PDB file of N, CA and C in Angstrom:
ATOM      1  N   MET A   1     -11.295   3.712 -13.881  1.00  0.00           N
ATOM      2  CA  MET A   1     -11.273   3.511 -12.216  1.00  0.00           C
ATOM      3  C   MET A   1     -10.745   4.035 -11.603  1.00  0.00           C
ATOM      4  N   SER A   2     -10.537   5.611 -12.088  1.00  0.00           N
ATOM      5  CA  SER A   2      -9.978   6.377 -10.874  1.00  0.00           C
ATOM      6  C   SER A   2     -11.261   5.985  -9.653  1.00  0.00           C
ATOM      7  N   ALA A   3     -12.468   6.638 -10.061  1.00  0.00           N
ATOM      8  CA  ALA A   3     -13.757   6.522  -9.604  1.00  0.00           C
ATOM      9  C   ALA A   3     -14.112   5.307  -8.174  1.00  0.00           C
ATOM     10  N   LYS A   4     -13.228   4.400  -8.277  1.00  0.00           N
ATOM     11  CA  LYS A   4     -13.342   3.904  -7.317  1.00  0.00           C
ATOM     12  C   LYS A   4     -11.746   3.830  -6.335  1.00  0.00           C
ATOM     13  N   GLY A   5     -11.641   3.980  -6.661  1.00  0.00           N
ATOM     14  CA  GLY A   5      -9.822   4.705  -5.554  1.00  0.00           C
ATOM     15  C   GLY A   5      -8.536   4.170  -6.507  1.00  0.00           C
ATOM     16  N   ILE A   6      -8.805   3.634  -7.592  1.00  0.00           N
ATOM     17  CA  ILE A   6      -7.494   3.010  -8.249  1.00  0.00           C
ATOM     18  C   ILE A   6      -7.095   4.154  -9.144  1.00  0.00           C
ATOM     19  N   THR A   7      -6.229   4.522  -9.303  1.00  0.00           N
ATOM     20  CA  THR A   7      -5.607   5.538 -10.708  1.00  0.00           C
ATOM     21  C   THR A   7      -4.076   4.803 -10.766  1.00  0.00           C
ATOM     22  N   PRO A   8      -3.848   3.856 -12.322  1.00  0.00           N
ATOM     23  CA  PRO A   8      -2.652   3.720 -12.730  1.00  0.00           C
ATOM     24  C   PRO A   8      -2.038   4.453 -13.445  1.00  0.00           C
ATOM     25  N   ILE A   9      -0.982   4.337 -12.731  1.00  0.00           N
ATOM     26  CA  ILE A   9      -0.073   5.451 -13.831  1.00  0.00           C
ATOM     27  C   ILE A   9       0.022   5.001 -15.399  1.00  0.00           C
ATOM     28  N   ILE A  10       0.185   5.711 -16.529  1.00  0.00           N
ATOM     29  CA  ILE A  10       0.468   6.011 -17.913  1.00  0.00           C
ATOM     30  C   ILE A  10       0.680   4.124 -18.309  1.00  0.00           C
ATOM     31  N   SER A  11       1.942   4.073 -17.641  1.00  0.00           N
ATOM     32  CA  SER A  11       2.596   2.598 -18.412  1.00  0.00           C
ATOM     33  C   SER A  11       1.445   1.961 -17.782  1.00  0.00           C
ATOM     34  N   GLU A  12       1.068   1.651 -16.717  1.00  0.00           N
ATOM     35  CA  GLU A  12      -0.352   0.672 -16.034  1.00  0.00           C
ATOM     36  C   GLU A  12      -0.881   0.135 -17.360  1.00  0.00           C
ATOM     37  N   TYR A  13      -1.820   1.137 -17.433  1.00  0.00           N
ATOM     38  CA  TYR A  13      -2.895   1.419 -18.556  1.00  0.00           C
ATOM     39  C   TYR A  13      -2.193   0.576 -19.653  1.00  0.00           C
ATOM     40  N   HIS A  14      -0.844   0.914 -20.149  1.00  0.00           N
ATOM     41  CA  HIS A  14      -0.383   0.392 -21.624  1.00  0.00           C
ATOM     42  C   HIS A  14      -0.430  -1.267 -20.842  1.00  0.00           C
ATOM     43  N   ILE A  15       0.326  -1.731 -19.566  1.00  0.00           N
ATOM     44  CA  ILE A  15      -0.147  -3.016 -20.024  1.00  0.00           C
ATOM     45  C   ILE A  15      -1.475  -3.358 -19.417  1.00  0.00           C
ATOM     46  N   LEU A  16      -2.332  -3.173 -19.049  1.00  0.00           N
ATOM     47  CA  LEU A  16      -3.540  -3.485 -19.084  1.00  0.00           C
ATOM     48  C   LEU A  16      -3.930  -3.926 -20.582  1.00  0.00           C
ATOM     49  N   TRP A  17      -3.363  -2.510 -21.391  1.00  0.00           N
ATOM     50  CA  TRP A  17      -4.280  -2.180 -22.472  1.00  0.00           C
ATOM     51  C   TRP A  17      -3.820  -3.552 -23.378  1.00  0.00           C
ATOM     52  N   GLU A  18      -2.369  -4.071 -23.467  1.00  0.00           N
ATOM     53  CA  GLU A  18      -1.752  -4.783 -24.221  1.00  0.00           C
ATOM     54  C   GLU A  18      -2.490  -6.282 -23.329  1.00  0.00           C
ATOM     55  N   ALA A  19      -2.642  -7.009 -22.432  1.00  0.00           N
ATOM     56  CA  ALA A  19      -3.113  -8.074 -22.369  1.00  0.00           C
ATOM     57  C   ALA A  19      -4.642  -7.806 -22.077  1.00  0.00           C
ATOM     58  N   LEU A  20      -5.490  -7.168 -22.455  1.00  0.00           N
ATOM     59  CA  LEU A  20      -7.250  -7.495 -22.679  1.00  0.00           C
ATOM     60  C   LEU A  20      -6.866  -7.532 -24.090  1.00  0.00           C
ATOM     61  N   LYS A  21      -5.951  -6.948 -25.609  1.00  0.00           N
ATOM     62  CA  LYS A  21      -5.963  -6.850 -26.626  1.00  0.00           C
ATOM     63  C   LYS A  21      -5.860  -8.533 -26.845  1.00  0.00           C
ATOM     64  N   HIS A  22      -4.635  -8.977 -26.068  1.00  0.00           N
ATOM     65  CA  HIS A  22      -3.751 -10.123 -26.635  1.00  0.00           C
ATOM     66  C   HIS A  22      -5.245 -11.245 -25.956  1.00  0.00           C
ATOM     67  N   TYR A  23      -5.562 -10.955 -24.790  1.00  0.00           N
ATOM     68  CA  TYR A  23      -6.691 -11.933 -24.472  1.00  0.00           C
ATOM     69  C   TYR A  23      -8.273 -12.421 -25.567  1.00  0.00           C
ATOM     70  N   GLU A  24      -8.792 -10.770 -25.997  1.00  0.00           N
ATOM     71  CA  GLU A  24      -9.666 -10.813 -26.406  1.00  0.00           C
ATOM     72  C   GLU A  24      -9.041 -11.752 -28.548  1.00  0.00           C
ATOM     73  N   GLU A  25      -8.337 -11.081 -28.688  1.00  0.00           N
ATOM     74  CA  GLU A  25      -7.433 -12.050 -29.984  1.00  0.00           C
ATOM     75  C   GLU A  25      -7.664 -13.509 -29.210  1.00  0.00           C
ATOM     76  N   ARG A  26      -7.491 -14.141 -28.374  1.00  0.00           N
ATOM     77  CA  ARG A  26      -6.765 -15.343 -28.204  1.00  0.00           C
ATOM     78  C   ARG A  26      -8.397 -15.936 -27.922  1.00  0.00           C
ATOM     79  N   LEU A  27      -9.097 -15.045 -27.464  1.00  0.00           N
ATOM     80  CA  LEU A  27     -10.755 -15.539 -27.684  1.00  0.00           C
ATOM     81  C   LEU A  27     -11.367 -15.684 -28.338  1.00  0.00           C
ATOM     82  N   GLU A  28     -11.549 -14.819 -29.794  1.00  0.00           N
ATOM     83  CA  GLU A  28     -11.961 -14.443 -31.147  1.00  0.00           C
ATOM     84  C   GLU A  28     -11.257 -15.499 -32.067  1.00  0.00           C
ATOM     85  N   LYS A  29      -9.993 -16.374 -31.312  1.00  0.00           N
ATOM     86  CA  LYS A  29      -9.216 -17.377 -31.719  1.00  0.00           C
ATOM     87  C   LYS A  29      -9.659 -18.672 -31.393  1.00  0.00           C
ATOM     88  N   LEU A  30      -9.961 -18.766 -30.490  1.00  0.00           N
ATOM     89  CA  LEU A  30     -10.704 -20.283 -29.704  1.00  0.00           C
ATOM     90  C   LEU A  30     -12.053 -19.992 -30.430  1.00  0.00           C
ATOM     91  N   SER A  31     -12.788 -19.356 -30.071  1.00  0.00           N
ATOM     92  CA  SER A  31     -14.312 -19.173 -30.703  1.00  0.00           C
ATOM     93  C   SER A  31     -14.073 -19.810 -32.097  1.00  0.00           C
ATOM     94  N   SER A  32     -13.857 -19.157 -33.462  1.00  0.00           N
ATOM     95  CA  SER A  32     -13.520 -19.254 -34.134  1.00  0.00           C
ATOM     96  C   SER A  32     -13.033 -20.683 -34.909  1.00  0.00           C
ATOM     97  N   MET A  33     -12.774 -21.353 -33.669  1.00  0.00           N
ATOM     98  CA  MET A  33     -11.864 -22.976 -34.125  1.00  0.00           C
ATOM     99  C   MET A  33     -12.669 -23.412 -33.196  1.00  0.00           C
ATOM    100  N   GLU A  34     -13.478 -23.302 -32.452  1.00  0.00           N
ATOM    101  CA  GLU A  34     -14.661 -24.894 -31.636  1.00  0.00           C
ATOM    102  C   GLU A  34     -15.931 -24.498 -32.652  1.00  0.00           C
ATOM    103  N   THR A  35     -16.012 -26.277 -32.766  1.00  0.00           N
ATOM    104  CA  THR A  35     -16.894 -26.874 -33.238  1.00  0.00           C
ATOM    105  C   THR A  35     -18.308 -26.463 -31.986  1.00  0.00           C
ATOM    106  N   ASP A  36     -18.044 -27.188 -30.978  1.00  0.00           N
ATOM    107  CA  ASP A  36     -19.392 -26.589 -29.970  1.00  0.00           C
ATOM    108  C   ASP A  36     -20.013 -26.209 -29.788  1.00  0.00           C
ATOM    109  N   GLU A  37     -21.318 -25.668 -29.876  1.00  0.00           N
ATOM    110  CA  GLU A  37     -22.221 -24.698 -29.349  1.00  0.00           C
ATOM    111  C   GLU A  37     -21.911 -24.003 -28.455  1.00  0.00           C
ATOM    112  N   GLU A  38     -21.814 -24.846 -27.579  1.00  0.00           N
ATOM    113  CA  GLU A  38     -22.571 -24.372 -26.327  1.00  0.00           C
ATOM    114  C   GLU A  38     -21.029 -23.673 -25.542  1.00  0.00           C
ATOM    115  N   LYS A  39     -19.642 -24.004 -26.107  1.00  0.00           N
ATOM    116  CA  LYS A  39     -18.195 -23.541 -26.013  1.00  0.00           C
ATOM    117  C   LYS A  39     -18.115 -22.158 -26.462  1.00  0.00           C
ATOM    118  N   GLN A  40     -18.423 -22.317 -27.848  1.00  0.00           N
ATOM    119  CA  GLN A  40     -18.492 -21.171 -28.687  1.00  0.00           C
ATOM    120  C   GLN A  40     -19.673 -20.141 -27.932  1.00  0.00           C
ATOM    121  N   LEU A  41     -20.638 -20.624 -27.079  1.00  0.00           N
ATOM    122  CA  LEU A  41     -21.288 -19.106 -27.031  1.00  0.00           C
ATOM    123  C   LEU A  41     -20.348 -19.099 -25.665  1.00  0.00           C
ATOM    124  N   SER A  42     -19.517 -19.445 -25.197  1.00  0.00           N
ATOM    125  CA  SER A  42     -18.870 -19.213 -23.531  1.00  0.00           C
ATOM    126  C   SER A  42     -18.083 -18.146 -23.972  1.00  0.00           C
ATOM    127  N   TYR A  43     -17.687 -18.608 -25.039  1.00  0.00           N
ATOM    128  CA  TYR A  43     -16.499 -17.250 -25.138  1.00  0.00           C
ATOM    129  C   TYR A  43     -16.986 -16.372 -25.955  1.00  0.00           C
ATOM    130  N   TYR A  44     -17.874 -16.531 -26.518  1.00  0.00           N
ATOM    131  CA  TYR A  44     -18.908 -15.295 -27.026  1.00  0.00           C
ATOM    132  C   TYR A  44     -19.453 -14.243 -25.709  1.00  0.00           C
ATOM    133  N   GLU A  45     -20.036 -15.211 -24.775  1.00  0.00           N
ATOM    134  CA  GLU A  45     -20.427 -14.142 -23.554  1.00  0.00           C
ATOM    135  C   GLU A  45     -18.499 -13.730 -22.950  1.00  0.00           C
ATOM    136  N   LYS A  46     -17.719 -14.474 -22.722  1.00  0.00           N
ATOM    137  CA  LYS A  46     -16.519 -13.461 -22.523  1.00  0.00           C
ATOM    138  C   LYS A  46     -16.170 -12.962 -23.293  1.00  0.00           C
ATOM    139  N   LEU A  47     -16.525 -12.366 -24.676  1.00  0.00           N
ATOM    140  CA  LEU A  47     -16.158 -11.719 -25.247  1.00  0.00           C
ATOM    141  C   LEU A  47     -16.602 -10.228 -25.176  1.00  0.00           C
ATOM    142  N   GLN A  48     -18.261 -10.236 -24.683  1.00  0.00           N
ATOM    143  CA  GLN A  48     -18.854  -9.344 -24.540  1.00  0.00           C
ATOM    144  C   GLN A  48     -18.348  -8.721 -23.194  1.00  0.00           C
ATOM    145  N   ASP A  49     -18.166  -9.736 -21.956  1.00  0.00           N
ATOM    146  CA  ASP A  49     -17.628  -8.808 -20.909  1.00  0.00           C
ATOM    147  C   ASP A  49     -16.324  -8.054 -20.781  1.00  0.00           C
ATOM    148  N   LEU A  50     -15.269  -8.781 -22.049  1.00  0.00           N
ATOM    149  CA  LEU A  50     -14.581  -7.812 -21.878  1.00  0.00           C
ATOM    150  C   LEU A  50     -14.088  -6.901 -23.118  1.00  0.00           C
ATOM    151  N   ASP A  51     -15.155  -6.581 -23.442  1.00  0.00           N
ATOM    152  CA  ASP A  51     -15.487  -5.290 -24.111  1.00  0.00           C
ATOM    153  C   ASP A  51     -15.298  -4.219 -23.275  1.00  0.00           C
ATOM    154  N   GLY A  52     -16.598  -5.409 -22.128  1.00  0.00           N
ATOM    155  CA  GLY A  52     -16.521  -4.290 -21.225  1.00  0.00           C
ATOM    156  C   GLY A  52     -15.977  -3.649 -20.783  1.00  0.00           C
ATOM    157  N   LEU A  53     -14.670  -4.053 -20.290  1.00  0.00           N
ATOM    158  CA  LEU A  53     -13.788  -4.189 -19.503  1.00  0.00           C
ATOM    159  C   LEU A  53     -12.703  -3.243 -20.284  1.00  0.00           C
ATOM    160  N   ILE A  54     -12.886  -3.337 -21.828  1.00  0.00           N
ATOM    161  CA  ILE A  54     -11.815  -2.680 -22.638  1.00  0.00           C
ATOM    162  C   ILE A  54     -12.263  -1.158 -22.110  1.00  0.00           C
ATOM    163  N   ASN A  55     -14.087  -0.588 -22.679  1.00  0.00           N
ATOM    164  CA  ASN A  55     -14.427   0.106 -22.406  1.00  0.00           C
ATOM    165  C   ASN A  55     -13.964   0.682 -21.438  1.00  0.00           C
ATOM    166  N   ALA A  56     -13.936   0.374 -20.415  1.00  0.00           N
ATOM    167  CA  ALA A  56     -13.598   1.093 -19.132  1.00  0.00           C
ATOM    168  C   ALA A  56     -12.087   1.279 -18.951  1.00  0.00           C
ATOM    169  N   VAL A  57     -11.508   0.446 -19.468  1.00  0.00           N
ATOM    170  CA  VAL A  57     -10.062   0.990 -18.987  1.00  0.00           C
ATOM    171  C   VAL A  57     -10.274   1.936 -19.998  1.00  0.00           C
ATOM    172  N   LYS A  58     -10.073   2.106 -21.394  1.00  0.00           N
ATOM    173  CA  LYS A  58      -9.675   3.100 -22.383  1.00  0.00           C
ATOM    174  C   LYS A  58     -10.660   4.461 -22.090  1.00  0.00           C
ATOM    175  N   ASN A  59     -12.047   4.791 -21.434  1.00  0.00           N
ATOM    176  CA  ASN A  59     -12.573   5.642 -20.818  1.00  0.00           C
ATOM    177  C   ASN A  59     -11.663   6.031 -19.572  1.00  0.00           C
ATOM    178  N   ALA A  60     -11.237   5.075 -18.686  1.00  0.00           N
ATOM    179  CA  ALA A  60     -10.014   5.493 -17.299  1.00  0.00           C
ATOM    180  C   ALA A  60      -9.040   6.172 -18.073  1.00  0.00           C
ATOM    181  N   ALA A  61      -8.338   5.659 -18.590  1.00  0.00           N
ATOM    182  CA  ALA A  61      -7.457   5.862 -19.543  1.00  0.00           C
ATOM    183  C   ALA A  61      -7.087   7.497 -19.549  1.00  0.00           C
ATOM    184  N   LYS A  62      -8.605   7.920 -20.364  1.00  0.00           N
ATOM    185  CA  LYS A  62      -8.713   8.951 -21.217  1.00  0.00           C
ATOM    186  C   LYS A  62      -8.986  10.126 -19.784  1.00  0.00           C
ATOM    187  N   SER A  63      -9.685   9.498 -19.264  1.00  0.00           N
ATOM    188  CA  SER A  63     -10.003  10.528 -17.906  1.00  0.00           C
ATOM    189  C   SER A  63      -8.884  10.729 -16.961  1.00  0.00           C
ATOM    190  N   ASP A  64      -8.303  10.179 -16.884  1.00  0.00           N
ATOM    191  CA  ASP A  64      -7.078  10.026 -16.008  1.00  0.00           C
ATOM    192  C   ASP A  64      -5.988  10.641 -16.789  1.00  0.00           C
ATOM    193  N   TYR A  65      -5.741  10.338 -17.988  1.00  0.00           N
ATOM    194  CA  TYR A  65      -4.706  10.704 -18.244  1.00  0.00           C
ATOM    195  C   TYR A  65      -4.229  11.983 -19.605  1.00  0.00           C
ATOM    196  N   GLU A  66      -5.967  12.036 -19.849  1.00  0.00           N
ATOM    197  CA  GLU A  66      -6.256  11.766 -22.096  1.00  0.00           C
ATOM    198  C   GLU A  66      -5.429  10.591 -22.406  1.00  0.00           C
ATOM    199  N   LEU A  67      -5.303   9.894 -22.060  1.00  0.00           N
ATOM    200  CA  LEU A  67      -4.510   8.806 -22.620  1.00  0.00           C
ATOM    201  C   LEU A  67      -5.007   8.243 -24.148  1.00  0.00           C
ATOM    202  N   GLU A  68      -5.368   8.027 -25.545  1.00  0.00           N
ATOM    203  CA  GLU A  68      -6.002   7.900 -26.189  1.00  0.00           C
ATOM    204  C   GLU A  68      -5.780   6.048 -26.271  1.00  0.00           C
ATOM    205  N   LEU A  69      -6.363   5.292 -25.989  1.00  0.00           N
ATOM    206  CA  LEU A  69      -5.494   3.929 -25.906  1.00  0.00           C
ATOM    207  C   LEU A  69      -6.010   3.851 -27.704  1.00  0.00           C
ATOM    208  N   GLU A  70      -5.185   2.438 -28.611  1.00  0.00           N
ATOM    209  CA  GLU A  70      -6.138   2.154 -29.657  1.00  0.00           C
ATOM    210  C   GLU A  70      -5.351   0.729 -29.947  1.00  0.00           C
TER     211      GLU A  70
END
């Protein structure tokens, strides 16, 4: 994140992490409950995008503060 000029403070990383993980759980739940294949695919695509964002936040926190987000 700092590569683009944004350097969140540690507490902001924790807030971002919590929000992203909550959204990931919600998408997984919605996907598992959905019977429409198109909607399932939509949830799956969102989960893939979210996975990239989660990894980016995790790597930035590690780079900026040696912070391990799990």
